[in-house]
PDB file of N, CA and C in Angstrom:
ATOM      1  N   GLN A   1      97.971  31.593  52.506  1.00  0.00           N
ATOM      2  CA  GLN A   1      98.890  31.652  51.712  1.00  0.00           C
ATOM      3  C   GLN A   1      99.263  30.825  50.144  1.00  0.00           C
ATOM      4  N   VAL A   2     100.124  29.952  50.779  1.00  0.00           N
ATOM      5  CA  VAL A   2     100.611  28.929  49.643  1.00  0.00           C
ATOM      6  C   VAL A   2      99.867  27.568  50.229  1.00  0.00           C
ATOM      7  N   HIS A   3      98.902  27.105  48.995  1.00  0.00           N
ATOM      8  CA  HIS A   3      98.987  25.559  49.159  1.00  0.00           C
ATOM      9  C   HIS A   3      99.616  24.457  48.752  1.00  0.00           C
ATOM     10  N   LEU A   4      99.582  23.681  49.743  1.00  0.00           N
ATOM     11  CA  LEU A   4     100.451  22.663  49.528  1.00  0.00           C
ATOM     12  C   LEU A   4     100.249  21.397  49.327  1.00  0.00           C
ATOM     13  N   VAL A   5     100.198  20.611  48.684  1.00  0.00           N
ATOM     14  CA  VAL A   5      99.925  18.908  48.618  1.00  0.00           C
ATOM     15  C   VAL A   5     100.910  18.039  48.323  1.00  0.00           C
ATOM     16  N   GLU A   6     101.321  17.138  49.391  1.00  0.00           N
ATOM     17  CA  GLU A   6     102.029  16.203  49.514  1.00  0.00           C
ATOM     18  C   GLU A   6     101.858  14.599  48.224  1.00  0.00           C
ATOM     19  N   SER A   7     102.712  13.835  47.927  1.00  0.00           N
ATOM     20  CA  SER A   7     102.192  13.160  47.389  1.00  0.00           C
ATOM     21  C   SER A   7     103.480  11.845  47.697  1.00  0.00           C
ATOM     22  N   GLY A   8     103.499  10.775  47.112  1.00  0.00           N
ATOM     23  CA  GLY A   8     104.380   9.606  46.960  1.00  0.00           C
ATOM     24  C   GLY A   8     104.561   8.580  48.514  1.00  0.00           C
ATOM     25  N   GLY A   9     103.569   9.047  48.864  1.00  0.00           N
ATOM     26  CA  GLY A   9     103.538   7.865  50.211  1.00  0.00           C
ATOM     27  C   GLY A   9     103.090   6.518  49.535  1.00  0.00           C
ATOM     28  N   ASP A  10     103.448   5.854  50.507  1.00  0.00           N
ATOM     29  CA  ASP A  10     103.032   4.384  50.251  1.00  0.00           C
ATOM     30  C   ASP A  10     103.618   3.167  51.291  1.00  0.00           C
ATOM     31  N   LEU A  11     103.467   2.287  51.021  1.00  0.00           N
ATOM     32  CA  LEU A  11     103.653   1.111  51.868  1.00  0.00           C
ATOM     33  C   LEU A  11     104.901   0.675  51.361  1.00  0.00           C
ATOM     34  N   VAL A  12     106.223   0.553  51.877  1.00  0.00           N
ATOM     35  CA  VAL A  12     107.328  -0.219  51.582  1.00  0.00           C
ATOM     36  C   VAL A  12     107.948  -1.011  52.586  1.00  0.00           C
ATOM     37  N   GLN A  13     108.973  -1.489  51.938  1.00  0.00           N
ATOM     38  CA  GLN A  13     109.817  -2.912  52.493  1.00  0.00           C
ATOM     39  C   GLN A  13     110.903  -2.241  53.194  1.00  0.00           C
ATOM     40  N   PRO A  14     111.025  -2.651  54.626  1.00  0.00           N
ATOM     41  CA  PRO A  14     112.754  -2.017  54.738  1.00  0.00           C
ATOM     42  C   PRO A  14     113.740  -2.003  53.436  1.00  0.00           C
ATOM     43  N   GLY A  15     114.593  -0.998  53.724  1.00  0.00           N
ATOM     44  CA  GLY A  15     115.458  -0.826  52.428  1.00  0.00           C
ATOM     45  C   GLY A  15     114.901  -0.496  51.165  1.00  0.00           C
ATOM     46  N   GLY A  16     113.486  -0.265  51.242  1.00  0.00           N
ATOM     47  CA  GLY A  16     113.321   0.184  50.256  1.00  0.00           C
ATOM     48  C   GLY A  16     113.489   1.590  49.509  1.00  0.00           C
ATOM     49  N   SER A  17     112.845   2.378  48.752  1.00  0.00           N
ATOM     50  CA  SER A  17     113.157   3.779  48.426  1.00  0.00           C
ATOM     51  C   SER A  17     111.611   4.085  48.009  1.00  0.00           C
ATOM     52  N   LEU A  18     111.441   5.636  48.747  1.00  0.00           N
ATOM     53  CA  LEU A  18     110.513   6.520  48.039  1.00  0.00           C
ATOM     54  C   LEU A  18     111.304   7.776  47.908  1.00  0.00           C
ATOM     55  N   ARG A  19     110.205   8.174  46.773  1.00  0.00           N
ATOM     56  CA  ARG A  19     110.532  10.048  46.328  1.00  0.00           C
ATOM     57  C   ARG A  19     109.317  10.465  46.609  1.00  0.00           C
ATOM     58  N   LEU A  20     108.879  11.375  47.655  1.00  0.00           N
ATOM     59  CA  LEU A  20     107.850  12.237  48.582  1.00  0.00           C
ATOM     60  C   LEU A  20     108.035  13.862  46.896  1.00  0.00           C
ATOM     61  N   SER A  21     106.842  14.399  46.888  1.00  0.00           N
ATOM     62  CA  SER A  21     106.705  15.227  46.224  1.00  0.00           C
ATOM     63  C   SER A  21     105.959  16.128  46.704  1.00  0.00           C
ATOM     64  N   CYS A  22     105.905  17.690  46.735  1.00  0.00           N
ATOM     65  CA  CYS A  22     105.219  18.303  47.157  1.00  0.00           C
ATOM     66  C   CYS A  22     105.149  19.876  46.497  1.00  0.00           C
ATOM     67  N   VAL A  23     104.364  19.969  46.283  1.00  0.00           N
ATOM     68  CA  VAL A  23     103.163  20.901  44.715  1.00  0.00           C
ATOM     69  C   VAL A  23     103.088  22.211  45.580  1.00  0.00           C
ATOM     70  N   ALA A  24     103.239  23.595  45.718  1.00  0.00           N
ATOM     71  CA  ALA A  24     102.810  24.671  46.010  1.00  0.00           C
ATOM     72  C   ALA A  24     102.102  25.298  45.151  1.00  0.00           C
ATOM     73  N   SER A  25     101.088  25.749  45.550  1.00  0.00           N
ATOM     74  CA  SER A  25     100.340  26.810  44.498  1.00  0.00           C
ATOM     75  C   SER A  25     100.027  27.969  45.343  1.00  0.00           C
ATOM     76  N   GLY A  26     100.037  29.282  44.480  1.00  0.00           N
ATOM     77  CA  GLY A  26      99.297  30.490  45.076  1.00  0.00           C
ATOM     78  C   GLY A  26     100.626  31.170  45.623  1.00  0.00           C
ATOM     79  N   GLY A  27     101.629  30.904  45.230  1.00  0.00           N
ATOM     80  CA  GLY A  27     102.863  31.214  45.898  1.00  0.00           C
ATOM     81  C   GLY A  27     104.651  31.150  45.138  1.00  0.00           C
ATOM     82  N   THR A  28     105.440  31.139  45.784  1.00  0.00           N
ATOM     83  CA  THR A  28     106.479  30.725  45.128  1.00  0.00           C
ATOM     84  C   THR A  28     107.499  30.088  46.285  1.00  0.00           C
ATOM     85  N   LEU A  29     108.118  29.558  45.721  1.00  0.00           N
ATOM     86  CA  LEU A  29     109.215  28.404  46.654  1.00  0.00           C
ATOM     87  C   LEU A  29     110.575  29.456  46.584  1.00  0.00           C
ATOM     88  N   VAL A  30     111.085  30.530  46.134  1.00  0.00           N
ATOM     89  CA  VAL A  30     112.063  30.788  45.824  1.00  0.00           C
ATOM     90  C   VAL A  30     112.683  31.509  46.582  1.00  0.00           C
ATOM     91  N   ASP A  31     111.700  32.667  47.030  1.00  0.00           N
ATOM     92  CA  ASP A  31     112.663  33.054  48.838  1.00  0.00           C
ATOM     93  C   ASP A  31     111.815  32.793  49.920  1.00  0.00           C
ATOM     94  N   ASN A  32     111.679  31.698  49.921  1.00  0.00           N
ATOM     95  CA  ASN A  32     111.268  30.989  51.140  1.00  0.00           C
ATOM     96  C   ASN A  32     112.115  29.424  51.297  1.00  0.00           C
ATOM     97  N   ASN A  33     112.054  29.584  52.892  1.00  0.00           N
ATOM     98  CA  ASN A  33     112.845  27.840  53.578  1.00  0.00           C
ATOM     99  C   ASN A  33     112.011  26.895  53.329  1.00  0.00           C
ATOM    100  N   VAL A  34     111.802  25.893  52.806  1.00  0.00           N
ATOM    101  CA  VAL A  34     111.385  24.303  52.691  1.00  0.00           C
ATOM    102  C   VAL A  34     111.284  23.410  53.453  1.00  0.00           C
ATOM    103  N   ALA A  35     110.931  22.268  54.307  1.00  0.00           N
ATOM    104  CA  ALA A  35     111.344  21.385  54.953  1.00  0.00           C
ATOM    105  C   ALA A  35     110.011  20.293  54.897  1.00  0.00           C
ATOM    106  N   TRP A  36     110.589  18.924  55.310  1.00  0.00           N
ATOM    107  CA  TRP A  36     109.977  18.114  55.785  1.00  0.00           C
ATOM    108  C   TRP A  36     110.044  17.860  56.682  1.00  0.00           C
ATOM    109  N   TYR A  37     108.618  17.408  57.471  1.00  0.00           N
ATOM    110  CA  TYR A  37     108.730  17.016  59.318  1.00  0.00           C
ATOM    111  C   TYR A  37     107.627  15.515  58.949  1.00  0.00           C
ATOM    112  N   ARG A  38     107.860  14.892  59.851  1.00  0.00           N
ATOM    113  CA  ARG A  38     106.960  13.913  60.236  1.00  0.00           C
ATOM    114  C   ARG A  38     106.363  13.584  61.334  1.00  0.00           C
ATOM    115  N   GLN A  39     105.477  12.874  61.395  1.00  0.00           N
ATOM    116  CA  GLN A  39     105.036  12.188  63.145  1.00  0.00           C
ATOM    117  C   GLN A  39     104.485  10.919  62.710  1.00  0.00           C
ATOM    118  N   ALA A  40     104.459  10.415  63.791  1.00  0.00           N
ATOM    119  CA  ALA A  40     104.145   9.002  64.420  1.00  0.00           C
ATOM    120  C   ALA A  40     103.064   9.111  65.684  1.00  0.00           C
ATOM    121  N   PRO A  41     102.156   8.645  65.312  1.00  0.00           N
ATOM    122  CA  PRO A  41     100.988   8.584  66.582  1.00  0.00           C
ATOM    123  C   PRO A  41     101.800   8.131  67.936  1.00  0.00           C
ATOM    124  N   GLY A  42     101.460   9.430  68.217  1.00  0.00           N
ATOM    125  CA  GLY A  42     102.036   9.097  69.921  1.00  0.00           C
ATOM    126  C   GLY A  42     103.174  10.088  69.917  1.00  0.00           C
ATOM    127  N   LYS A  43     103.903  10.234  68.657  1.00  0.00           N
ATOM    128  CA  LYS A  43     105.226  10.606  68.775  1.00  0.00           C
ATOM    129  C   LYS A  43     104.811  12.605  68.771  1.00  0.00           C
ATOM    130  N   GLN A  44     106.108  13.113  68.954  1.00  0.00           N
ATOM    131  CA  GLN A  44     105.972  14.815  68.110  1.00  0.00           C
ATOM    132  C   GLN A  44     106.531  14.603  66.774  1.00  0.00           C
ATOM    133  N   ARG A  45     106.046  15.732  66.043  1.00  0.00           N
ATOM    134  CA  ARG A  45     106.161  16.270  64.952  1.00  0.00           C
ATOM    135  C   ARG A  45     107.814  16.648  64.968  1.00  0.00           C
ATOM    136  N   GLU A  46     108.729  16.161  64.310  1.00  0.00           N
ATOM    137  CA  GLU A  46     110.314  15.995  63.940  1.00  0.00           C
ATOM    138  C   GLU A  46     110.226  16.817  62.447  1.00  0.00           C
ATOM    139  N   LEU A  47     111.510  17.654  62.531  1.00  0.00           N
ATOM    140  CA  LEU A  47     112.245  17.652  61.507  1.00  0.00           C
ATOM    141  C   LEU A  47     112.884  16.603  61.048  1.00  0.00           C
ATOM    142  N   VAL A  48     112.754  16.446  59.523  1.00  0.00           N
ATOM    143  CA  VAL A  48     113.385  15.654  58.836  1.00  0.00           C
ATOM    144  C   VAL A  48     113.984  16.199  58.139  1.00  0.00           C
ATOM    145  N   ALA A  49     113.995  17.273  57.236  1.00  0.00           N
ATOM    146  CA  ALA A  49     115.284  17.603  56.101  1.00  0.00           C
ATOM    147  C   ALA A  49     114.514  19.581  55.821  1.00  0.00           C
ATOM    148  N   HIS A  50     115.629  20.090  56.097  1.00  0.00           N
ATOM    149  CA  HIS A  50     115.507  21.354  55.929  1.00  0.00           C
ATOM    150  C   HIS A  50     116.178  21.837  54.705  1.00  0.00           C
ATOM    151  N   LEU A  51     115.730  22.862  53.657  1.00  0.00           N
ATOM    152  CA  LEU A  51     116.657  23.329  52.783  1.00  0.00           C
ATOM    153  C   LEU A  51     115.981  25.125  52.859  1.00  0.00           C
ATOM    154  N   ASP A  52     117.222  25.954  52.806  1.00  0.00           N
ATOM    155  CA  ASP A  52     116.633  27.393  52.970  1.00  0.00           C
ATOM    156  C   ASP A  52     117.305  27.833  51.422  1.00  0.00           C
ATOM    157  N   PHE A  53     116.335  29.018  51.625  1.00  0.00           N
ATOM    158  CA  PHE A  53     116.610  29.828  50.097  1.00  0.00           C
ATOM    159  C   PHE A  53     117.675  29.894  49.240  1.00  0.00           C
ATOM    160  N   ARG A  54     118.730  29.643  50.262  1.00  0.00           N
ATOM    161  CA  ARG A  54     120.126  29.815  49.768  1.00  0.00           C
ATOM    162  C   ARG A  54     120.439  28.208  49.190  1.00  0.00           C
ATOM    163  N   SER A  55     120.022  26.772  49.481  1.00  0.00           N
ATOM    164  CA  SER A  55     120.153  25.921  49.318  1.00  0.00           C
ATOM    165  C   SER A  55     120.936  25.347  49.942  1.00  0.00           C
ATOM    166  N   VAL A  56     120.980  26.048  51.835  1.00  0.00           N
ATOM    167  CA  VAL A  56     121.936  25.000  53.009  1.00  0.00           C
ATOM    168  C   VAL A  56     120.998  23.930  53.244  1.00  0.00           C
ATOM    169  N   THR A  57     121.091  23.095  53.352  1.00  0.00           N
ATOM    170  CA  THR A  57     120.558  21.666  53.879  1.00  0.00           C
ATOM    171  C   THR A  57     120.645  21.318  55.150  1.00  0.00           C
ATOM    172  N   ASN A  58     120.345  20.859  56.098  1.00  0.00           N
ATOM    173  CA  ASN A  58     120.255  20.244  57.047  1.00  0.00           C
ATOM    174  C   ASN A  58     118.968  19.269  57.471  1.00  0.00           C
ATOM    175  N   TYR A  59     119.455  17.920  58.209  1.00  0.00           N
ATOM    176  CA  TYR A  59     118.995  16.713  57.933  1.00  0.00           C
ATOM    177  C   TYR A  59     119.372  16.241  59.650  1.00  0.00           C
ATOM    178  N   ALA A  60     117.884  15.644  60.128  1.00  0.00           N
ATOM    179  CA  ALA A  60     118.088  15.025  61.172  1.00  0.00           C
ATOM    180  C   ALA A  60     118.892  13.823  61.675  1.00  0.00           C
ATOM    181  N   ASP A  61     119.635  13.461  62.229  1.00  0.00           N
ATOM    182  CA  ASP A  61     120.997  12.563  62.462  1.00  0.00           C
ATOM    183  C   ASP A  61     120.382  11.303  61.993  1.00  0.00           C
ATOM    184  N   SER A  62     119.021  10.970  62.179  1.00  0.00           N
ATOM    185  CA  SER A  62     118.430   9.751  61.792  1.00  0.00           C
ATOM    186  C   SER A  62     118.479   9.066  60.613  1.00  0.00           C
ATOM    187  N   VAL A  63     118.346  10.486  59.701  1.00  0.00           N
ATOM    188  CA  VAL A  63     117.708  10.430  58.266  1.00  0.00           C
ATOM    189  C   VAL A  63     119.129  10.939  57.602  1.00  0.00           C
ATOM    190  N   LYS A  64     120.579  11.282  58.011  1.00  0.00           N
ATOM    191  CA  LYS A  64     121.445  11.687  57.296  1.00  0.00           C
ATOM    192  C   LYS A  64     122.272  10.565  56.481  1.00  0.00           C
ATOM    193  N   GLY A  65     122.635  10.659  55.129  1.00  0.00           N
ATOM    194  CA  GLY A  65     122.648   9.890  54.313  1.00  0.00           C
ATOM    195  C   GLY A  65     121.786   9.128  53.543  1.00  0.00           C
ATOM    196  N   ARG A  66     121.099   8.910  54.259  1.00  0.00           N
ATOM    197  CA  ARG A  66     119.747   8.023  53.643  1.00  0.00           C
ATOM    198  C   ARG A  66     118.548   9.196  52.649  1.00  0.00           C
ATOM    199  N   PHE A  67     118.459  10.606  53.316  1.00  0.00           N
ATOM    200  CA  PHE A  67     117.662  11.255  52.508  1.00  0.00           C
ATOM    201  C   PHE A  67     118.097  12.606  52.306  1.00  0.00           C
ATOM    202  N   THR A  68     117.194  12.841  51.246  1.00  0.00           N
ATOM    203  CA  THR A  68     117.815  14.049  50.348  1.00  0.00           C
ATOM    204  C   THR A  68     116.729  15.113  50.361  1.00  0.00           C
ATOM    205  N   ILE A  69     116.904  16.388  50.486  1.00  0.00           N
ATOM    206  CA  ILE A  69     115.904  17.204  50.165  1.00  0.00           C
ATOM    207  C   ILE A  69     115.984  18.110  49.030  1.00  0.00           C
ATOM    208  N   SER A  70     115.486  18.516  47.767  1.00  0.00           N
ATOM    209  CA  SER A  70     115.768  19.490  47.000  1.00  0.00           C
ATOM    210  C   SER A  70     114.315  20.051  46.621  1.00  0.00           C
ATOM    211  N   ARG A  71     114.792  20.677  45.594  1.00  0.00           N
ATOM    212  CA  ARG A  71     113.673  22.083  44.842  1.00  0.00           C
ATOM    213  C   ARG A  71     113.967  22.189  43.327  1.00  0.00           C
ATOM    214  N   ASP A  72     112.520  22.663  42.896  1.00  0.00           N
ATOM    215  CA  ASP A  72     112.538  22.674  41.337  1.00  0.00           C
ATOM    216  C   ASP A  72     111.729  23.897  41.467  1.00  0.00           C
ATOM    217  N   ASN A  73     112.265  25.172  41.538  1.00  0.00           N
ATOM    218  CA  ASN A  73     111.554  26.260  41.574  1.00  0.00           C
ATOM    219  C   ASN A  73     110.594  25.980  40.493  1.00  0.00           C
ATOM    220  N   ALA A  74     110.983  25.844  39.193  1.00  0.00           N
ATOM    221  CA  ALA A  74     110.577  25.981  38.008  1.00  0.00           C
ATOM    222  C   ALA A  74     108.940  25.204  37.765  1.00  0.00           C
ATOM    223  N   LYS A  75     109.141  24.554  38.821  1.00  0.00           N
ATOM    224  CA  LYS A  75     107.813  23.944  39.068  1.00  0.00           C
ATOM    225  C   LYS A  75     107.055  23.910  40.458  1.00  0.00           C
ATOM    226  N   ASN A  76     107.754  24.921  40.917  1.00  0.00           N
ATOM    227  CA  ASN A  76     107.215  25.491  42.406  1.00  0.00           C
ATOM    228  C   ASN A  76     107.330  23.985  43.110  1.00  0.00           C
ATOM    229  N   THR A  77     108.199  22.655  43.148  1.00  0.00           N
ATOM    230  CA  THR A  77     108.188  21.419  43.816  1.00  0.00           C
ATOM    231  C   THR A  77     108.957  21.150  44.570  1.00  0.00           C
ATOM    232  N   VAL A  78     108.616  20.755  45.596  1.00  0.00           N
ATOM    233  CA  VAL A  78     109.578  20.233  46.683  1.00  0.00           C
ATOM    234  C   VAL A  78     109.899  18.930  46.837  1.00  0.00           C
ATOM    235  N   TYR A  79     111.215  18.303  46.930  1.00  0.00           N
ATOM    236  CA  TYR A  79     110.720  17.102  46.798  1.00  0.00           C
ATOM    237  C   TYR A  79     111.675  16.196  48.019  1.00  0.00           C
ATOM    238  N   LEU A  80     111.406  14.683  48.322  1.00  0.00           N
ATOM    239  CA  LEU A  80     112.031  14.245  49.664  1.00  0.00           C
ATOM    240  C   LEU A  80     112.762  12.667  49.118  1.00  0.00           C
ATOM    241  N   GLN A  81     113.774  12.554  48.492  1.00  0.00           N
ATOM    242  CA  GLN A  81     114.005  11.536  48.100  1.00  0.00           C
ATOM    243  C   GLN A  81     114.431  10.440  49.188  1.00  0.00           C
ATOM    244  N   MET A  82     113.820   9.368  49.406  1.00  0.00           N
ATOM    245  CA  MET A  82     114.185   8.591  51.227  1.00  0.00           C
ATOM    246  C   MET A  82     114.335   7.275  50.616  1.00  0.00           C
ATOM    247  N   ASN A  83     116.177   6.918  50.641  1.00  0.00           N
ATOM    248  CA  ASN A  83     116.793   5.609  50.307  1.00  0.00           C
ATOM    249  C   ASN A  83     117.061   4.740  51.536  1.00  0.00           C
ATOM    250  N   SER A  84     117.258   3.361  52.073  1.00  0.00           N
ATOM    251  CA  SER A  84     117.430   2.548  52.519  1.00  0.00           C
ATOM    252  C   SER A  84     116.255   2.792  53.841  1.00  0.00           C
ATOM    253  N   LEU A  85     115.246   2.672  53.432  1.00  0.00           N
ATOM    254  CA  LEU A  85     114.085   3.387  54.462  1.00  0.00           C
ATOM    255  C   LEU A  85     114.237   2.019  55.481  1.00  0.00           C
ATOM    256  N   LYS A  86     113.896   2.766  57.205  1.00  0.00           N
ATOM    257  CA  LYS A  86     113.674   1.394  58.038  1.00  0.00           C
ATOM    258  C   LYS A  86     112.636   1.573  58.637  1.00  0.00           C
ATOM    259  N   PRO A  87     112.020   0.653  59.080  1.00  0.00           N
ATOM    260  CA  PRO A  87     110.295   0.771  59.875  1.00  0.00           C
ATOM    261  C   PRO A  87     110.278   2.293  61.267  1.00  0.00           C
ATOM    262  N   GLU A  88     111.614   2.432  61.683  1.00  0.00           N
ATOM    263  CA  GLU A  88     111.625   4.036  62.033  1.00  0.00           C
ATOM    264  C   GLU A  88     111.235   4.969  61.558  1.00  0.00           C
ATOM    265  N   ASP A  89     110.806   4.769  60.166  1.00  0.00           N
ATOM    266  CA  ASP A  89     110.858   5.907  59.595  1.00  0.00           C
ATOM    267  C   ASP A  89     109.194   6.055  59.013  1.00  0.00           C
ATOM    268  N   THR A  90     108.553   5.154  59.053  1.00  0.00           N
ATOM    269  CA  THR A  90     106.967   5.336  59.156  1.00  0.00           C
ATOM    270  C   THR A  90     106.755   6.570  60.330  1.00  0.00           C
ATOM    271  N   GLY A  91     105.643   6.867  59.292  1.00  0.00           N
ATOM    272  CA  GLY A  91     105.418   7.742  59.596  1.00  0.00           C
ATOM    273  C   GLY A  91     104.322   8.614  58.705  1.00  0.00           C
ATOM    274  N   VAL A  92     103.468   9.969  59.012  1.00  0.00           N
ATOM    275  CA  VAL A  92     103.244  11.011  58.404  1.00  0.00           C
ATOM    276  C   VAL A  92     103.917  12.137  58.126  1.00  0.00           C
ATOM    277  N   TYR A  93     104.309  12.519  56.494  1.00  0.00           N
ATOM    278  CA  TYR A  93     105.026  13.421  56.250  1.00  0.00           C
ATOM    279  C   TYR A  93     104.435  14.538  55.494  1.00  0.00           C
ATOM    280  N   TYR A  94     105.338  15.980  56.177  1.00  0.00           N
ATOM    281  CA  TYR A  94     104.565  16.891  56.318  1.00  0.00           C
ATOM    282  C   TYR A  94     105.116  17.736  55.439  1.00  0.00           C
ATOM    283  N   CYS A  95     104.922  18.367  54.061  1.00  0.00           N
ATOM    284  CA  CYS A  95     105.716  19.593  53.607  1.00  0.00           C
ATOM    285  C   CYS A  95     105.515  20.787  54.115  1.00  0.00           C
ATOM    286  N   ASN A  96     106.485  21.515  54.392  1.00  0.00           N
ATOM    287  CA  ASN A  96     106.162  22.907  54.713  1.00  0.00           C
ATOM    288  C   ASN A  96     106.747  24.045  54.266  1.00  0.00           C
ATOM    289  N   VAL A  97     106.334  24.992  54.420  1.00  0.00           N
ATOM    290  CA  VAL A  97     107.067  26.327  53.687  1.00  0.00           C
ATOM    291  C   VAL A  97     107.407  27.502  54.197  1.00  0.00           C
ATOM    292  N   GLY A  98     108.204  28.186  54.858  1.00  0.00           N
ATOM    293  CA  GLY A  98     107.912  29.175  55.568  1.00  0.00           C
ATOM    294  C   GLY A  98     108.239  29.759  57.051  1.00  0.00           C
ATOM    295  N   GLY A  99     108.473  27.897  57.429  1.00  0.00           N
ATOM    296  CA  GLY A  99     108.640  27.633  59.277  1.00  0.00           C
ATOM    297  C   GLY A  99     107.549  27.458  59.730  1.00  0.00           C
ATOM    298  N   GLN A 100     107.533  27.077  61.295  1.00  0.00           N
ATOM    299  CA  GLN A 100     106.532  26.633  61.987  1.00  0.00           C
ATOM    300  C   GLN A 100     105.074  27.630  61.567  1.00  0.00           C
ATOM    301  N   TRP A 101     105.705  28.828  61.170  1.00  0.00           N
ATOM    302  CA  TRP A 101     103.736  29.652  61.385  1.00  0.00           C
ATOM    303  C   TRP A 101     103.419  30.011  59.748  1.00  0.00           C
ATOM    304  N   GLY A 102     104.255  29.178  58.879  1.00  0.00           N
ATOM    305  CA  GLY A 102     104.090  29.309  57.632  1.00  0.00           C
ATOM    306  C   GLY A 102     103.241  28.496  57.264  1.00  0.00           C
ATOM    307  N   ASP A 103     102.677  27.949  55.849  1.00  0.00           N
ATOM    308  CA  ASP A 103     102.188  27.122  55.353  1.00  0.00           C
ATOM    309  C   ASP A 103     102.565  25.477  55.360  1.00  0.00           C
ATOM    310  N   TRP A 104     101.504  24.659  55.561  1.00  0.00           N
ATOM    311  CA  TRP A 104     101.291  23.108  55.728  1.00  0.00           C
ATOM    312  C   TRP A 104     100.567  22.343  54.681  1.00  0.00           C
ATOM    313  N   GLY A 105     101.390  20.983  54.296  1.00  0.00           N
ATOM    314  CA  GLY A 105     100.451  20.380  53.483  1.00  0.00           C
ATOM    315  C   GLY A 105      99.664  19.231  54.634  1.00  0.00           C
ATOM    316  N   GLN A 106      98.493  18.477  53.732  1.00  0.00           N
ATOM    317  CA  GLN A 106      97.718  17.765  54.226  1.00  0.00           C
ATOM    318  C   GLN A 106      98.476  16.435  54.714  1.00  0.00           C
ATOM    319  N   GLY A 107      99.534  16.238  54.612  1.00  0.00           N
ATOM    320  CA  GLY A 107     100.631  15.283  54.611  1.00  0.00           C
ATOM    321  C   GLY A 107     100.502  14.018  53.645  1.00  0.00           C
ATOM    322  N   THR A 108     101.443  13.178  54.013  1.00  0.00           N
ATOM    323  CA  THR A 108     101.042  11.666  53.064  1.00  0.00           C
ATOM    324  C   THR A 108     102.096  10.833  54.030  1.00  0.00           C
ATOM    325  N   GLN A 109     101.170   9.452  53.647  1.00  0.00           N
ATOM    326  CA  GLN A 109     101.458   8.647  55.032  1.00  0.00           C
ATOM    327  C   GLN A 109     102.628   7.509  53.992  1.00  0.00           C
ATOM    328  N   VAL A 110     103.516   7.533  54.682  1.00  0.00           N
ATOM    329  CA  VAL A 110     105.153   6.641  54.909  1.00  0.00           C
ATOM    330  C   VAL A 110     104.556   5.356  55.490  1.00  0.00           C
ATOM    331  N   THR A 111     104.652   4.310  55.316  1.00  0.00           N
ATOM    332  CA  THR A 111     104.845   3.153  56.189  1.00  0.00           C
ATOM    333  C   THR A 111     105.913   2.007  55.727  1.00  0.00           C
ATOM    334  N   VAL A 112     106.830   2.100  56.460  1.00  0.00           N
ATOM    335  CA  VAL A 112     107.934   0.526  56.291  1.00  0.00           C
ATOM    336  C   VAL A 112     107.396   0.019  56.858  1.00  0.00           C
ATOM    337  N   SER A 113     107.708  -1.360  56.566  1.00  0.00           N
ATOM    338  CA  SER A 113     106.984  -2.629  57.038  1.00  0.00           C
ATOM    339  C   SER A 113     107.134  -3.823  56.147  1.00  0.00           C
ATOM    340  N   SER A 114     107.644  -5.136  56.938  1.00  0.00           N
ATOM    341  CA  SER A 114     107.787  -6.042  56.073  1.00  0.00           C
ATOM    342  C   SER A 114     106.476  -6.856  55.674  1.00  0.00           C
TER     343      SER A 114
END
């Protein structure tokens, strides 16, 4: 259905910031839940931030207060602003639209290291 492309991942020092973007094509974000997940090698994929179609947000406790998920429906884009990054935030970040059995992006690598 929807093709998702993430961008913005990078190598960043602890305490730094990144802004991830996820552009959706072939569909609309308006009536869908959107989310960011991340996965480190040897670990389970975990939910980082969730934004439903009513703009209700939910964050993992580990990122609460540091990360912000948002969307721009006119641009069919979802964002993840990440501040005060920690080494534990390292992983591949995936954009998701429509829940577990919905659409997924290819992932973008975020590495937090000195």
